[in-house]
Amino acid sequence: MSEGEWLLQEAKRLADDSQTYEDVAFYTQLAVFLDEQDRRIDQAQGELDGILWDHEGW
């Protein structure tokens, strides 16, 4: 399990365990943010791989 996956699971767990609306809202949005960041990191890594393997651009 990567650090990002662990953090996302913790944010979801904290949202489930929270008692106040503010805490639930915060941890829920934190999980959304972390999921989006993970998607963007994967996309950037794919773009970098594509650039590095483009032999015509060397």
PDB file of N, CA and C in Angstrom:
ATOM      1  N   MET A   1       0.848  -1.174   0.000  1.00  0.00           N
ATOM      2  CA  MET A   1       0.000   0.000   0.000  1.00  0.00           C
ATOM      3  C   MET A   1       0.895   1.240   0.000  1.00  0.00           C
ATOM      4  N   SER A   2       0.628   2.134  -0.914  1.00  0.00           N
ATOM      5  CA  SER A   2       1.426   3.352  -0.996  1.00  0.00           C
ATOM      6  C   SER A   2       0.996   4.338   0.086  1.00  0.00           C
ATOM      7  N   GLU A   3       1.835   5.345   0.265  1.00  0.00           N
ATOM      8  CA  GLU A   3       1.530   6.363   1.271  1.00  0.00           C
ATOM      9  C   GLU A   3       0.246   7.104   0.934  1.00  0.00           C
ATOM     10  N   GLY A   4       0.037   7.367  -0.350  1.00  0.00           N
ATOM     11  CA  GLY A   4      -1.175   8.056  -0.777  1.00  0.00           C
ATOM     12  C   GLY A   4      -2.429   7.246  -0.509  1.00  0.00           C
ATOM     13  N   GLU A   5      -2.361   5.941  -0.744  1.00  0.00           N
ATOM     14  CA  GLU A   5      -3.510   5.067  -0.489  1.00  0.00           C
ATOM     15  C   GLU A   5      -3.818   5.012   0.999  1.00  0.00           C
ATOM     16  N   TRP A   6      -2.757   4.929   1.814  1.00  0.00           N
ATOM     17  CA  TRP A   6      -2.944   4.879   3.261  1.00  0.00           C
ATOM     18  C   TRP A   6      -3.603   6.162   3.744  1.00  0.00           C
ATOM     19  N   LEU A   7      -3.116   7.301   3.262  1.00  0.00           N
ATOM     20  CA  LEU A   7      -3.654   8.590   3.675  1.00  0.00           C
ATOM     21  C   LEU A   7      -5.112   8.730   3.260  1.00  0.00           C
ATOM     22  N   LEU A   8      -5.450   8.283   2.070  1.00  0.00           N
ATOM     23  CA  LEU A   8      -6.833   8.329   1.602  1.00  0.00           C
ATOM     24  C   LEU A   8      -7.741   7.472   2.484  1.00  0.00           C
ATOM     25  N   GLN A   9      -7.289   6.278   2.821  1.00  0.00           N
ATOM     26  CA  GLN A   9      -8.072   5.406   3.700  1.00  0.00           C
ATOM     27  C   GLN A   9      -8.249   6.019   5.087  1.00  0.00           C
ATOM     28  N   GLU A  10      -7.209   6.660   5.599  1.00  0.00           N
ATOM     29  CA  GLU A  10      -7.300   7.307   6.907  1.00  0.00           C
ATOM     30  C   GLU A  10      -8.292   8.466   6.876  1.00  0.00           C
ATOM     31  N   ALA A  11      -8.284   9.258   5.809  1.00  0.00           N
ATOM     32  CA  ALA A  11      -9.227  10.365   5.696  1.00  0.00           C
ATOM     33  C   ALA A  11     -10.663   9.843   5.661  1.00  0.00           C
ATOM     34  N   LYS A  12     -10.889   8.760   4.932  1.00  0.00           N
ATOM     35  CA  LYS A  12     -12.232   8.169   4.877  1.00  0.00           C
ATOM     36  C   LYS A  12     -12.634   7.604   6.231  1.00  0.00           C
ATOM     37  N   ARG A  13     -11.701   6.963   6.919  1.00  0.00           N
ATOM     38  CA  ARG A  13     -11.991   6.405   8.237  1.00  0.00           C
ATOM     39  C   ARG A  13     -12.318   7.519   9.225  1.00  0.00           C
ATOM     40  N   LEU A  14     -11.537   8.598   9.192  1.00  0.00           N
ATOM     41  CA  LEU A  14     -11.790   9.719  10.090  1.00  0.00           C
ATOM     42  C   LEU A  14     -13.138  10.374   9.795  1.00  0.00           C
ATOM     43  N   ALA A  15     -13.514  10.452   8.516  1.00  0.00           N
ATOM     44  CA  ALA A  15     -14.826  10.994   8.164  1.00  0.00           C
ATOM     45  C   ALA A  15     -15.938  10.124   8.739  1.00  0.00           C
ATOM     46  N   ASP A  16     -15.758   8.804   8.675  1.00  0.00           N
ATOM     47  CA  ASP A  16     -16.770   7.893   9.217  1.00  0.00           C
ATOM     48  C   ASP A  16     -16.861   7.973  10.737  1.00  0.00           C
ATOM     49  N   ASP A  17     -15.737   8.214  11.395  1.00  0.00           N
ATOM     50  CA  ASP A  17     -15.692   8.227  12.858  1.00  0.00           C
ATOM     51  C   ASP A  17     -15.989   9.595  13.466  1.00  0.00           C
ATOM     52  N   SER A  18     -16.058  10.629  12.654  1.00  0.00           N
ATOM     53  CA  SER A  18     -16.242  11.984  13.180  1.00  0.00           C
ATOM     54  C   SER A  18     -17.660  12.191  13.689  1.00  0.00           C
ATOM     55  N   GLN A  19     -17.759  13.071  14.683  1.00  0.00           N
ATOM     56  CA  GLN A  19     -19.050  13.338  15.324  1.00  0.00           C
ATOM     57  C   GLN A  19     -19.697  14.636  14.853  1.00  0.00           C
ATOM     58  N   THR A  20     -18.900  15.599  14.415  1.00  0.00           N
ATOM     59  CA  THR A  20     -19.476  16.889  14.022  1.00  0.00           C
ATOM     60  C   THR A  20     -19.525  17.005  12.498  1.00  0.00           C
ATOM     61  N   TYR A  21     -20.454  17.828  12.039  1.00  0.00           N
ATOM     62  CA  TYR A  21     -20.605  18.043  10.608  1.00  0.00           C
ATOM     63  C   TYR A  21     -19.336  18.630   9.999  1.00  0.00           C
ATOM     64  N   GLU A  22     -18.736  19.568  10.706  1.00  0.00           N
ATOM     65  CA  GLU A  22     -17.527  20.216  10.201  1.00  0.00           C
ATOM     66  C   GLU A  22     -16.398  19.223   9.985  1.00  0.00           C
ATOM     67  N   ASP A  23     -16.216  18.304  10.943  1.00  0.00           N
ATOM     68  CA  ASP A  23     -15.167  17.299  10.814  1.00  0.00           C
ATOM     69  C   ASP A  23     -15.448  16.329   9.668  1.00  0.00           C
ATOM     70  N   VAL A  24     -16.689  15.906   9.554  1.00  0.00           N
ATOM     71  CA  VAL A  24     -17.070  15.004   8.462  1.00  0.00           C
ATOM     72  C   VAL A  24     -16.832  15.690   7.120  1.00  0.00           C
ATOM     73  N   ALA A  25     -17.248  16.951   7.007  1.00  0.00           N
ATOM     74  CA  ALA A  25     -17.067  17.695   5.757  1.00  0.00           C
ATOM     75  C   ALA A  25     -15.586  17.855   5.440  1.00  0.00           C
ATOM     76  N   PHE A  26     -14.785  18.183   6.453  1.00  0.00           N
ATOM     77  CA  PHE A  26     -13.352  18.365   6.235  1.00  0.00           C
ATOM     78  C   PHE A  26     -12.699  17.083   5.735  1.00  0.00           C
ATOM     79  N   TYR A  27     -12.922  15.980   6.424  1.00  0.00           N
ATOM     80  CA  TYR A  27     -12.273  14.725   6.045  1.00  0.00           C
ATOM     81  C   TYR A  27     -12.799  14.178   4.725  1.00  0.00           C
ATOM     82  N   THR A  28     -14.068  14.424   4.429  1.00  0.00           N
ATOM     83  CA  THR A  28     -14.623  13.997   3.148  1.00  0.00           C
ATOM     84  C   THR A  28     -13.963  14.761   2.008  1.00  0.00           C
ATOM     85  N   GLN A  29     -13.828  16.069   2.162  1.00  0.00           N
ATOM     86  CA  GLN A  29     -13.181  16.867   1.120  1.00  0.00           C
ATOM     87  C   GLN A  29     -11.687  16.574   1.033  1.00  0.00           C
ATOM     88  N   LEU A  30     -11.076  16.253   2.161  1.00  0.00           N
ATOM     89  CA  LEU A  30      -9.668  15.845   2.145  1.00  0.00           C
ATOM     90  C   LEU A  30      -9.501  14.581   1.309  1.00  0.00           C
ATOM     91  N   ALA A  31     -10.413  13.625   1.460  1.00  0.00           N
ATOM     92  CA  ALA A  31     -10.358  12.391   0.670  1.00  0.00           C
ATOM     93  C   ALA A  31     -10.531  12.694  -0.818  1.00  0.00           C
ATOM     94  N   VAL A  32     -11.434  13.605  -1.157  1.00  0.00           N
ATOM     95  CA  VAL A  32     -11.636  13.994  -2.556  1.00  0.00           C
ATOM     96  C   VAL A  32     -10.362  14.630  -3.100  1.00  0.00           C
ATOM     97  N   PHE A  33      -9.761  15.524  -2.317  1.00  0.00           N
ATOM     98  CA  PHE A  33      -8.525  16.188  -2.718  1.00  0.00           C
ATOM     99  C   PHE A  33      -7.399  15.182  -2.926  1.00  0.00           C
ATOM    100  N   LEU A  34      -7.238  14.250  -1.999  1.00  0.00           N
ATOM    101  CA  LEU A  34      -6.165  13.256  -2.109  1.00  0.00           C
ATOM    102  C   LEU A  34      -6.362  12.357  -3.314  1.00  0.00           C
ATOM    103  N   ASP A  35      -7.594  11.992  -3.601  1.00  0.00           N
ATOM    104  CA  ASP A  35      -7.891  11.163  -4.764  1.00  0.00           C
ATOM    105  C   ASP A  35      -7.544  11.908  -6.053  1.00  0.00           C
ATOM    106  N   GLU A  36      -7.882  13.185  -6.102  1.00  0.00           N
ATOM    107  CA  GLU A  36      -7.568  14.000  -7.284  1.00  0.00           C
ATOM    108  C   GLU A  36      -6.052  14.161  -7.441  1.00  0.00           C
ATOM    109  N   GLN A  37      -5.349  14.387  -6.345  1.00  0.00           N
ATOM    110  CA  GLN A  37      -3.895  14.529  -6.402  1.00  0.00           C
ATOM    111  C   GLN A  37      -3.247  13.238  -6.908  1.00  0.00           C
ATOM    112  N   ASP A  38      -3.732  12.109  -6.447  1.00  0.00           N
ATOM    113  CA  ASP A  38      -3.194  10.820  -6.887  1.00  0.00           C
ATOM    114  C   ASP A  38      -3.408  10.632  -8.385  1.00  0.00           C
ATOM    115  N   ARG A  39      -4.591  11.041  -8.869  1.00  0.00           N
ATOM    116  CA  ARG A  39      -4.884  10.944 -10.297  1.00  0.00           C
ATOM    117  C   ARG A  39      -3.941  11.842 -11.100  1.00  0.00           C
ATOM    118  N   ARG A  40      -3.710  13.035 -10.609  1.00  0.00           N
ATOM    119  CA  ARG A  40      -2.831  13.967 -11.323  1.00  0.00           C
ATOM    120  C   ARG A  40      -1.377  13.487 -11.316  1.00  0.00           C
ATOM    121  N   ILE A  41      -0.939  12.892 -10.233  1.00  0.00           N
ATOM    122  CA  ILE A  41       0.420  12.349 -10.173  1.00  0.00           C
ATOM    123  C   ILE A  41       0.580  11.224 -11.189  1.00  0.00           C
ATOM    124  N   ASP A  42      -0.406  10.324 -11.248  1.00  0.00           N
ATOM    125  CA  ASP A  42      -0.364   9.232 -12.233  1.00  0.00           C
ATOM    126  C   ASP A  42      -0.335   9.786 -13.656  1.00  0.00           C
ATOM    127  N   GLN A  43      -1.127  10.805 -13.914  1.00  0.00           N
ATOM    128  CA  GLN A  43      -1.180  11.409 -15.243  1.00  0.00           C
ATOM    129  C   GLN A  43       0.161  12.047 -15.598  1.00  0.00           C
ATOM    130  N   ALA A  44       0.766  12.754 -14.647  1.00  0.00           N
ATOM    131  CA  ALA A  44       2.057  13.397 -14.903  1.00  0.00           C
ATOM    132  C   ALA A  44       3.154  12.361 -15.127  1.00  0.00           C
ATOM    133  N   GLN A  45       3.114  11.263 -14.388  1.00  0.00           N
ATOM    134  CA  GLN A  45       4.109  10.203 -14.588  1.00  0.00           C
ATOM    135  C   GLN A  45       3.950   9.572 -15.968  1.00  0.00           C
ATOM    136  N   GLY A  46       2.714   9.373 -16.393  1.00  0.00           N
ATOM    137  CA  GLY A  46       2.473   8.838 -17.731  1.00  0.00           C
ATOM    138  C   GLY A  46       2.946   9.778 -18.818  1.00  0.00           C
ATOM    139  N   GLU A  47       2.722  11.069 -18.616  1.00  0.00           N
ATOM    140  CA  GLU A  47       3.178  12.054 -19.588  1.00  0.00           C
ATOM    141  C   GLU A  47       4.705  12.072 -19.665  1.00  0.00           C
ATOM    142  N   LEU A  48       5.343  12.012 -18.523  1.00  0.00           N
ATOM    143  CA  LEU A  48       6.805  11.990 -18.492  1.00  0.00           C
ATOM    144  C   LEU A  48       7.348  10.739 -19.180  1.00  0.00           C
ATOM    145  N   ASP A  49       6.742   9.586 -18.926  1.00  0.00           N
ATOM    146  CA  ASP A  49       7.166   8.360 -19.600  1.00  0.00           C
ATOM    147  C   ASP A  49       7.026   8.488 -21.112  1.00  0.00           C
ATOM    148  N   GLY A  50       5.920   9.083 -21.556  1.00  0.00           N
ATOM    149  CA  GLY A  50       5.710   9.262 -22.989  1.00  0.00           C
ATOM    150  C   GLY A  50       6.750  10.177 -23.614  1.00  0.00           C
ATOM    151  N   ILE A  51       7.107  11.228 -22.907  1.00  0.00           N
ATOM    152  CA  ILE A  51       8.126  12.151 -23.422  1.00  0.00           C
ATOM    153  C   ILE A  51       9.482  11.468 -23.493  1.00  0.00           C
ATOM    154  N   LEU A  52       9.823  10.711 -22.464  1.00  0.00           N
ATOM    155  CA  LEU A  52      11.132  10.065 -22.428  1.00  0.00           C
ATOM    156  C   LEU A  52      11.269   8.967 -23.478  1.00  0.00           C
ATOM    157  N   TRP A  53      10.163   8.327 -23.844  1.00  0.00           N
ATOM    158  CA  TRP A  53      10.242   7.229 -24.818  1.00  0.00           C
ATOM    159  C   TRP A  53      10.080   7.710 -26.251  1.00  0.00           C
ATOM    160  N   ASP A  54       9.853   8.979 -26.453  1.00  0.00           N
ATOM    161  CA  ASP A  54       9.690   9.525 -27.798  1.00  0.00           C
ATOM    162  C   ASP A  54      11.094   9.694 -28.425  1.00  0.00           C
ATOM    163  N   HIS A  55      11.499   8.724 -29.219  1.00  0.00           N
ATOM    164  CA  HIS A  55      12.850   8.735 -29.790  1.00  0.00           C
ATOM    165  C   HIS A  55      13.050   9.897 -30.765  1.00  0.00           C
ATOM    166  N   GLU A  56      11.991  10.406 -31.348  1.00  0.00           N
ATOM    167  CA  GLU A  56      12.128  11.515 -32.290  1.00  0.00           C
ATOM    168  C   GLU A  56      12.419  12.829 -31.564  1.00  0.00           C
ATOM    169  N   GLY A  57      12.120  12.884 -30.301  1.00  0.00           N
ATOM    170  CA  GLY A  57      12.365  14.102 -29.531  1.00  0.00           C
ATOM    171  C   GLY A  57      13.708  14.125 -28.844  1.00  0.00           C
ATOM    172  N   TRP A  58      14.513  13.087 -29.042  1.00  0.00           N
ATOM    173  CA  TRP A  58      15.821  13.032 -28.356  1.00  0.00           C
ATOM    174  C   TRP A  58      16.825  13.909 -29.040  1.00  0.00           C
TER     175      TRP A  58
END
